[in-house]
């Protein structure tokens, strides 16, 4: 939580000047983003839509801005309001999310929309505490929505902000251990006026100037105060904790192709890894155990032929799937499965790893067809 106005009475004029310089830079150099109300629009009286801010912040978790842009636009076209999203079929939401990754976010997105529409009459809470009560909304997301959508003074700290603050104050404590220290310093900088623009300015500064490699220090509005510049090499900060090597898991994927080109799919259980997503039949791999990798584990007898292997990196492990293909004359879809026409495969709720498996067996199958 950000400190109260009373707690900020000790904030120096220098710190306020730093925030002012950052906001002046933001006014001139902010990124144009589809979910953002720019500083000129804000000054003219335009108000951010909390639904847009919430949707973008959920999508941006562990995902790049460029990857999110088309998804954000697609969601708004399909579901312009939180009530529209609440009324949507959960499978359609998962299909629209497919390829964006971290699929628990999509499930929580739907749960949150349902809650806001049914319990809060479509209005998002305006406080951090109220926002934290929503499904899928953690400390960072609550602070971001409170600051950007509602103009509340809140300390918004993502990876970009951590990097800026680590360099500005030359914080040499490794991340993530440095987070409390960074947050305490950030709390002292957030202004009472334009806290949402301040949060977005810090993010933009980290994304465009104070970058991980080759930071453009000569363009930085905070360079006169940056202790990392004085120390001689901003690129060495922030200090990262030792990486833990991810375990390697293995399994097999079985791509059955009917004579008309349709592909056999099934839905994964709603809970757990890739919950609620579509997939080709696979063996029982998880984050903790390997699955079978041979043709003998195929879901039914057929002329299964090896079609290579695909690799995918999850948050806590890496996965290698051996891919097999069988061309089927005709076969009724087993219980819980369906035949997806080749023209419709692109629109299925397929996670990236399953698209890779299908592409390995049928090059071009997951591309949109016109």
Protein backbone atom coordinates (compact mmCIF):
# COMPACT_ATOMS: atom_id res chain seq x y z
CA UNK A 1 0.00 0.00 0.00
CA UNK A 2 1.20 3.51 -0.76
CA UNK A 3 1.78 5.83 2.20
CA UNK A 4 -0.88 8.38 3.16
CA UNK A 5 -0.68 12.08 2.36
CA UNK A 6 0.43 12.72 5.92
CA UNK A 7 3.22 10.19 5.58
CA UNK A 8 4.45 12.01 2.49
CA UNK A 9 4.95 15.36 4.20
CA UNK A 10 8.61 14.50 4.56
CA UNK A 11 9.09 13.93 0.84
CA UNK A 12 11.73 16.33 -0.39
CA UNK A 13 11.28 18.96 -3.06
CA UNK A 14 13.99 17.10 -4.95
CA UNK A 15 11.83 13.99 -5.10
CA UNK A 16 8.85 16.02 -6.26
CA UNK A 17 11.07 17.62 -8.90
CA UNK A 18 12.13 14.17 -10.07
CA UNK A 19 8.49 13.15 -10.51
CA UNK A 20 7.82 16.41 -12.34
CA UNK A 21 10.65 15.83 -14.80
CA UNK A 22 9.45 12.30 -15.44
CA UNK A 23 5.88 13.50 -16.11
CA UNK A 24 7.15 16.23 -18.47
CA UNK A 25 9.09 13.55 -20.38
CA UNK A 26 5.97 11.36 -20.47
CA UNK A 27 3.88 14.21 -21.86
CA UNK A 28 6.27 14.47 -24.80
CA UNK A 29 7.33 10.85 -25.34
CA UNK A 30 4.58 8.51 -24.07
CA UNK A 31 3.70 5.42 -26.08
CA UNK A 32 0.40 5.36 -27.94
CA UNK A 33 -1.36 2.20 -26.73
CA UNK A 34 -4.89 1.04 -27.58
CA UNK A 35 -5.93 0.84 -23.91
CA UNK A 36 -4.35 4.10 -22.83
CA UNK A 37 -5.81 7.58 -22.37
CA UNK A 38 -2.91 9.91 -23.25
CA UNK A 39 -1.94 12.84 -21.02
CA UNK A 40 -3.47 15.46 -23.33
CA UNK A 41 -6.78 13.58 -23.43
CA UNK A 42 -6.69 13.15 -19.67
CA UNK A 43 -6.02 16.85 -19.17
CA UNK A 44 -8.97 17.62 -21.47
CA UNK A 45 -11.29 15.61 -19.24
CA UNK A 46 -11.27 12.16 -20.85
CA UNK A 47 -11.63 9.37 -18.31
CA UNK A 48 -9.97 5.94 -18.54
CA UNK A 49 -12.38 3.02 -18.81
CA UNK A 50 -11.66 0.68 -15.84
CA UNK A 51 -12.70 -2.28 -18.00
CA UNK A 52 -10.04 -1.40 -20.58
CA UNK A 53 -7.38 -0.87 -17.92
CA UNK A 54 -8.23 -4.14 -16.14
CA UNK A 55 -8.34 -6.14 -19.38
CA UNK A 56 -5.00 -4.78 -20.59
CA UNK A 57 -3.29 -5.31 -17.24
CA UNK A 58 -4.41 -8.95 -17.05
CA UNK A 59 -3.21 -9.53 -20.61
CA UNK A 60 0.12 -7.79 -20.02
CA UNK A 61 1.13 -10.04 -17.13
CA UNK A 62 4.27 -11.85 -18.32
CA UNK A 63 3.51 -10.87 -21.93
CA UNK A 64 4.88 -8.15 -24.21
CA UNK A 65 2.98 -5.05 -25.25
CA UNK A 66 3.26 -5.92 -28.94
CA UNK A 67 1.84 -9.40 -28.35
CA UNK A 68 -1.09 -8.01 -26.37
CA UNK A 69 -2.25 -5.29 -28.80
CA UNK A 70 -4.12 -7.55 -31.28
CA UNK A 71 -5.66 -9.61 -28.47
CA UNK A 72 -6.89 -6.50 -26.69
CA UNK A 73 -8.51 -5.18 -29.87
CA UNK A 74 -10.08 -8.58 -30.60
CA UNK A 75 -11.56 -8.82 -27.10
CA UNK A 76 -13.08 -5.33 -27.31
CA UNK A 77 -14.59 -6.14 -30.70
CA UNK A 78 -16.19 -9.28 -29.31
CA UNK A 79 -17.01 -8.01 -25.82
CA UNK A 80 -17.10 -4.19 -25.60
CA UNK A 81 -18.08 -4.12 -21.91
CA UNK A 82 -17.49 -6.22 -18.83
CA UNK A 83 -21.16 -7.25 -18.99
CA UNK A 84 -20.60 -8.54 -22.53
CA UNK A 85 -17.59 -10.55 -21.37
CA UNK A 86 -19.58 -11.96 -18.45
CA UNK A 87 -22.31 -13.09 -20.84
CA UNK A 88 -19.81 -14.80 -23.14
CA UNK A 89 -19.38 -18.56 -23.27
CA UNK A 90 -16.25 -19.60 -21.35
CA UNK A 91 -15.04 -21.73 -24.28
CA UNK A 92 -15.26 -18.71 -26.60
CA UNK A 93 -13.15 -16.69 -24.17
CA UNK A 94 -10.53 -19.44 -24.09
CA UNK A 95 -10.51 -19.56 -27.91
CA UNK A 96 -9.98 -15.80 -28.10
CA UNK A 97 -7.16 -16.06 -25.55
CA UNK A 98 -5.40 -18.99 -27.25
CA UNK A 99 -1.75 -18.17 -27.99
CA UNK A 100 -1.43 -15.50 -25.30
CA UNK A 101 -0.22 -18.03 -22.71
CA UNK A 102 -0.63 -18.39 -18.94
CA UNK A 103 -4.16 -19.70 -19.37
CA UNK A 104 -5.13 -19.43 -15.72
CA UNK A 105 -5.34 -15.69 -16.46
CA UNK A 106 -8.08 -16.34 -19.00
CA UNK A 107 -10.07 -18.46 -16.55
CA UNK A 108 -9.72 -15.78 -13.87
CA UNK A 109 -10.60 -13.10 -16.43
CA UNK A 110 -13.96 -14.78 -16.99
CA UNK A 111 -14.53 -15.31 -13.26
CA UNK A 112 -13.74 -11.67 -12.56
CA UNK A 113 -16.06 -10.42 -15.31
CA UNK A 114 -18.84 -12.64 -13.95
CA UNK A 115 -18.29 -11.28 -10.43
CA UNK A 116 -18.16 -7.61 -11.45
CA UNK A 117 -21.24 -7.94 -13.66
CA UNK A 118 -23.35 -9.91 -11.19
CA UNK A 119 -22.18 -8.74 -7.76
CA UNK A 120 -20.99 -5.17 -8.44
CA UNK A 121 -23.51 -4.16 -11.13
CA UNK A 122 -20.74 -3.82 -13.70
CA UNK A 123 -18.67 -1.28 -11.74
CA UNK A 124 -15.06 -2.02 -10.77
CA UNK A 125 -14.01 -1.05 -7.23
CA UNK A 126 -11.95 2.15 -7.12
CA UNK A 127 -9.63 1.24 -4.25
CA UNK A 128 -6.66 -1.13 -4.13
CA UNK A 129 -8.28 -3.09 -1.30
CA UNK A 130 -11.51 -3.49 -3.23
CA UNK A 131 -9.71 -4.50 -6.40
CA UNK A 132 -7.66 -7.10 -4.52
CA UNK A 133 -10.92 -8.91 -3.73
CA UNK A 134 -11.53 -9.63 -7.42
CA UNK A 135 -10.58 -13.03 -8.93
CA UNK A 136 -7.15 -12.95 -10.56
CA UNK A 137 -6.27 -9.44 -9.32
CA UNK A 138 -3.07 -9.37 -7.27
CA UNK A 139 -1.15 -6.55 -5.64
CA UNK A 140 0.45 -5.20 -8.82
CA UNK A 141 -2.73 -5.32 -10.90
CA UNK A 142 -4.80 -3.70 -8.15
CA UNK A 143 -2.29 -0.86 -7.83
CA UNK A 144 -2.18 -0.35 -11.60
CA UNK A 145 -5.96 -0.20 -11.98
CA UNK A 146 -6.35 2.06 -8.94
CA UNK A 147 -3.74 4.51 -10.24
CA UNK A 148 -4.48 4.48 -13.97
CA UNK A 149 -8.26 4.04 -14.00
CA UNK A 150 -9.20 5.90 -10.82
CA UNK A 151 -6.35 8.36 -10.21
CA UNK A 152 -5.58 6.87 -6.79
CA UNK A 153 -2.09 7.28 -5.41
CA UNK A 154 -0.60 3.78 -5.65
CA UNK A 155 2.86 2.32 -6.17
CA UNK A 156 2.82 0.34 -9.42
CA UNK A 157 5.87 -1.88 -9.77
CA UNK A 158 6.43 -4.14 -12.76
CA UNK A 159 9.71 -5.37 -14.24
CA UNK A 160 10.33 -2.10 -16.06
CA UNK A 161 9.84 -0.08 -12.89
CA UNK A 162 12.08 -2.42 -10.90
CA UNK A 163 14.86 -1.85 -13.43
CA UNK A 164 14.48 1.95 -13.41
CA UNK A 165 14.44 2.11 -9.61
CA UNK A 166 17.35 -0.31 -9.23
CA UNK A 167 19.51 1.89 -11.45
CA UNK A 168 18.24 5.22 -10.14
CA UNK A 169 19.14 4.29 -6.53
CA UNK A 170 21.92 1.80 -7.36
CA UNK A 171 20.23 -1.05 -5.54
CA UNK A 172 22.59 -4.02 -5.50
CA UNK A 173 20.41 -6.41 -3.55
CA UNK A 174 19.52 -9.23 -5.99
CA UNK A 175 15.96 -9.58 -7.21
CA UNK A 176 13.50 -10.72 -6.02
CA UNK A 177 14.92 -9.99 -2.54
CA UNK A 178 15.22 -6.31 -3.48
CA UNK A 179 11.48 -5.84 -4.07
CA UNK A 180 10.62 -4.46 -0.60
CA UNK A 181 13.50 -1.97 -0.80
CA UNK A 182 12.46 -0.87 -4.28
CA UNK A 183 8.82 -0.51 -3.23
CA UNK A 184 9.72 1.63 -0.22
CA UNK A 185 11.72 4.00 -2.42
CA UNK A 186 9.01 4.08 -5.07
CA UNK A 187 6.40 4.96 -2.45
CA UNK A 188 8.34 8.13 -1.75
CA UNK A 189 8.30 9.21 -5.39
CA UNK A 190 4.66 8.69 -6.41
CA UNK A 191 3.03 12.15 -6.63
CA UNK A 192 -0.42 13.05 -5.37
CA UNK A 193 -1.12 14.64 -8.75
CA UNK A 194 -1.32 12.38 -11.84
CA UNK A 195 -0.36 9.10 -10.12
CA UNK A 196 -1.67 7.09 -13.09
CA UNK A 197 0.46 9.02 -15.56
CA UNK A 198 3.44 8.66 -13.21
CA UNK A 199 2.98 4.87 -13.17
CA UNK A 200 2.73 4.71 -16.94
CA UNK A 201 5.69 7.07 -17.31
CA UNK A 202 7.87 4.76 -15.22
CA UNK A 203 6.80 1.79 -17.34
CA UNK A 204 7.44 3.66 -20.59
CA UNK A 205 10.84 4.85 -19.38
CA UNK A 206 11.88 1.28 -18.63
CA UNK A 207 10.48 -0.03 -21.91
CA UNK A 208 11.97 2.60 -24.23
CA UNK A 209 14.97 4.26 -22.53
CA UNK A 210 16.12 2.37 -19.42
CA UNK A 211 16.17 -0.91 -21.31
CA UNK A 212 17.83 -4.13 -20.08
CA UNK A 213 20.61 -3.88 -22.66
CA UNK A 214 22.20 -0.69 -24.03
CA UNK A 215 20.07 1.80 -22.07
CA UNK A 216 19.75 5.19 -23.77
CA UNK A 217 20.94 7.14 -20.76
CA UNK A 218 21.50 10.42 -22.63
CA UNK A 219 17.75 10.57 -23.33
CA UNK A 220 16.68 9.85 -19.76
CA UNK A 221 14.97 12.66 -17.84
CA UNK A 222 16.33 11.21 -14.58
CA UNK A 223 19.97 10.84 -15.66
CA UNK A 224 21.20 13.64 -13.35
CA UNK A 225 19.96 11.64 -10.36
CA UNK A 226 20.89 8.14 -11.55
CA UNK A 227 23.42 6.58 -9.20
CA UNK A 228 24.07 3.72 -11.63
CA UNK A 229 25.39 6.22 -14.18
CA UNK A 230 27.74 7.63 -11.56
CA UNK A 231 28.84 4.08 -10.68
CA UNK A 232 29.72 3.55 -14.31
CA UNK A 233 27.60 0.74 -15.77
CA UNK A 234 23.77 0.85 -15.48
CA UNK A 235 23.53 -2.35 -17.52
CA UNK A 236 24.79 -4.34 -14.52
CA UNK A 237 21.59 -3.50 -12.63
CA UNK A 238 19.26 -4.85 -11.47
CA UNK A 239 21.15 -7.77 -9.99
CA UNK A 240 19.32 -11.01 -10.70
CA UNK A 241 19.26 -13.95 -8.34
CA UNK A 242 20.78 -17.20 -9.50
CA UNK A 243 18.61 -18.92 -12.10
CA UNK A 244 17.28 -22.33 -11.21
CA UNK A 245 17.55 -24.75 -14.10
CA UNK A 246 14.13 -25.88 -15.26
CA UNK A 247 13.41 -29.62 -15.28
CA UNK A 248 12.95 -31.29 -18.66
CA UNK A 249 9.74 -33.25 -19.22
CA UNK A 250 8.81 -35.48 -22.13
CA UNK A 251 5.66 -36.86 -23.68
CA UNK A 252 4.01 -37.63 -27.01
CA UNK A 253 1.31 -35.97 -29.11
CA UNK A 254 -0.87 -37.89 -31.57
CA UNK A 255 -2.26 -35.99 -34.56
CA UNK A 256 -5.07 -37.96 -36.20
CA UNK A 257 -6.13 -36.62 -39.60
CA UNK A 258 -9.40 -37.69 -41.17
CA UNK A 259 -9.61 -38.12 -44.96
CA UNK A 260 -11.36 -34.73 -45.27
CA UNK A 261 -8.49 -33.07 -43.38
CA UNK A 262 -10.26 -32.71 -40.02
CA UNK A 263 -8.08 -33.11 -36.93
CA UNK A 264 -9.06 -34.98 -33.78
CA UNK A 265 -9.11 -32.76 -30.70
CA UNK A 266 -10.20 -32.97 -27.09
CA UNK A 267 -10.58 -30.55 -24.18
CA UNK A 268 -8.21 -30.57 -21.22
CA UNK A 269 -9.64 -30.60 -17.67
CA UNK A 270 -10.78 -27.16 -16.55
CA UNK A 271 -8.32 -27.04 -13.66
CA UNK A 272 -4.56 -27.40 -13.86
CA UNK A 273 -1.98 -26.66 -16.52
CA UNK A 274 -3.57 -25.42 -19.78
CA UNK A 275 -6.94 -25.97 -18.10
CA UNK A 276 -9.94 -25.75 -20.39
CA UNK A 277 -7.83 -25.54 -23.55
CA UNK A 278 -8.08 -27.79 -26.61
CA UNK A 279 -5.40 -30.31 -27.54
CA UNK A 280 -4.59 -33.27 -29.73
CA UNK A 281 -4.42 -36.49 -27.69
CA UNK A 282 -1.23 -36.64 -25.65
CA UNK A 283 0.32 -38.85 -23.00
CA UNK A 284 0.16 -38.06 -19.29
CA UNK A 285 3.01 -35.59 -18.88
CA UNK A 286 2.82 -32.95 -16.19
CA UNK A 287 5.19 -30.39 -14.68
CA UNK A 288 6.41 -33.16 -12.35
CA UNK A 289 6.39 -36.38 -14.39
CA UNK A 290 7.15 -37.57 -17.93
CA UNK A 291 4.58 -39.17 -20.17
CA UNK A 292 5.09 -42.05 -22.55
CA UNK A 293 6.86 -41.09 -25.75
CA UNK A 294 6.25 -44.14 -27.95
CA UNK A 295 3.65 -45.07 -30.53
CA UNK A 296 2.36 -47.82 -28.25
CA UNK A 297 0.70 -45.17 -26.07
CA UNK A 298 -1.45 -43.86 -28.94
CA UNK A 299 -5.15 -43.42 -28.12
CA UNK A 300 -6.23 -46.04 -30.67
CA UNK A 301 -4.68 -48.43 -33.18
CA UNK A 302 -3.68 -46.82 -36.48
CA UNK A 303 -0.72 -46.40 -38.78
CA UNK A 304 1.03 -43.84 -36.55
CA UNK A 305 4.15 -42.37 -38.09
CA UNK A 306 6.81 -40.27 -36.43
CA UNK A 307 6.70 -36.60 -37.48
CA UNK A 308 9.49 -35.10 -35.41
CA UNK A 309 9.40 -33.45 -32.03
CA UNK A 310 8.59 -30.01 -30.63
CA UNK A 311 9.88 -28.17 -27.57
CA UNK A 312 8.07 -25.64 -25.40
CA UNK A 313 9.11 -23.66 -22.34
CA UNK A 314 6.63 -23.34 -19.49
CA UNK A 315 7.14 -21.23 -16.38
CA UNK A 316 8.54 -24.04 -14.25
CA UNK A 317 9.67 -26.68 -16.76
CA UNK A 318 10.46 -27.35 -20.38
CA UNK A 319 8.59 -29.93 -22.43
CA UNK A 320 9.57 -32.02 -25.43
CA UNK A 321 6.78 -33.79 -27.28
CA UNK A 322 7.41 -36.56 -29.79
CA UNK A 323 4.83 -36.08 -32.54
CA UNK A 324 3.04 -38.86 -34.42
CA UNK A 325 0.53 -38.61 -37.26
CA UNK A 326 -2.05 -41.11 -38.47
CA UNK A 327 -4.26 -40.67 -41.54
CA UNK A 328 -7.71 -42.03 -40.77
CA UNK A 329 -10.28 -43.02 -43.38
CA UNK A 330 -13.24 -42.62 -41.06
CA UNK A 331 -13.62 -42.91 -37.32
CA UNK A 332 -16.25 -41.76 -34.88
CA UNK A 333 -14.73 -39.33 -32.41
CA UNK A 334 -14.14 -41.05 -29.06
CA UNK A 335 -16.05 -39.71 -26.05
CA UNK A 336 -14.83 -36.23 -25.11
CA UNK A 337 -13.21 -35.71 -28.53
CA UNK A 338 -14.31 -34.03 -31.74
CA UNK A 339 -13.17 -33.69 -35.33
CA UNK A 340 -12.20 -30.08 -36.07
CA UNK A 341 -12.37 -29.15 -39.78
CA UNK A 342 -9.01 -27.96 -41.08
CA UNK A 343 -10.58 -24.57 -41.87
CA UNK A 344 -11.60 -24.15 -38.21
CA UNK A 345 -8.42 -25.31 -36.47
CA UNK A 346 -7.05 -21.76 -36.28
CA UNK A 347 -10.05 -20.72 -34.17
CA UNK A 348 -9.82 -23.58 -31.68
CA UNK A 349 -8.59 -22.85 -28.14
CA UNK A 350 -5.21 -24.40 -28.86
CA UNK A 351 -2.25 -23.40 -26.67
CA UNK A 352 1.02 -22.71 -28.44
CA UNK A 353 2.55 -26.09 -27.62
CA UNK A 354 -0.37 -27.87 -29.32
CA UNK A 355 -0.13 -25.61 -32.36
CA UNK A 356 3.53 -26.59 -32.58
CA UNK A 357 2.63 -30.29 -32.45
CA UNK A 358 -0.01 -29.94 -35.17
CA UNK A 359 2.33 -27.89 -37.35
CA UNK A 360 4.98 -30.59 -37.00
CA UNK A 361 2.51 -33.17 -38.33
CA UNK A 362 0.65 -30.93 -40.81
CA UNK A 363 2.63 -27.85 -41.87
CA UNK A 364 0.36 -24.82 -42.23
CA UNK A 365 -2.61 -26.42 -40.48
CA UNK A 366 -2.92 -23.79 -37.73
CA UNK A 367 -2.67 -20.81 -40.07
CA UNK A 368 -5.83 -18.82 -40.71
CA UNK A 369 -7.51 -19.81 -43.96
CA UNK A 370 -9.49 -17.35 -46.06
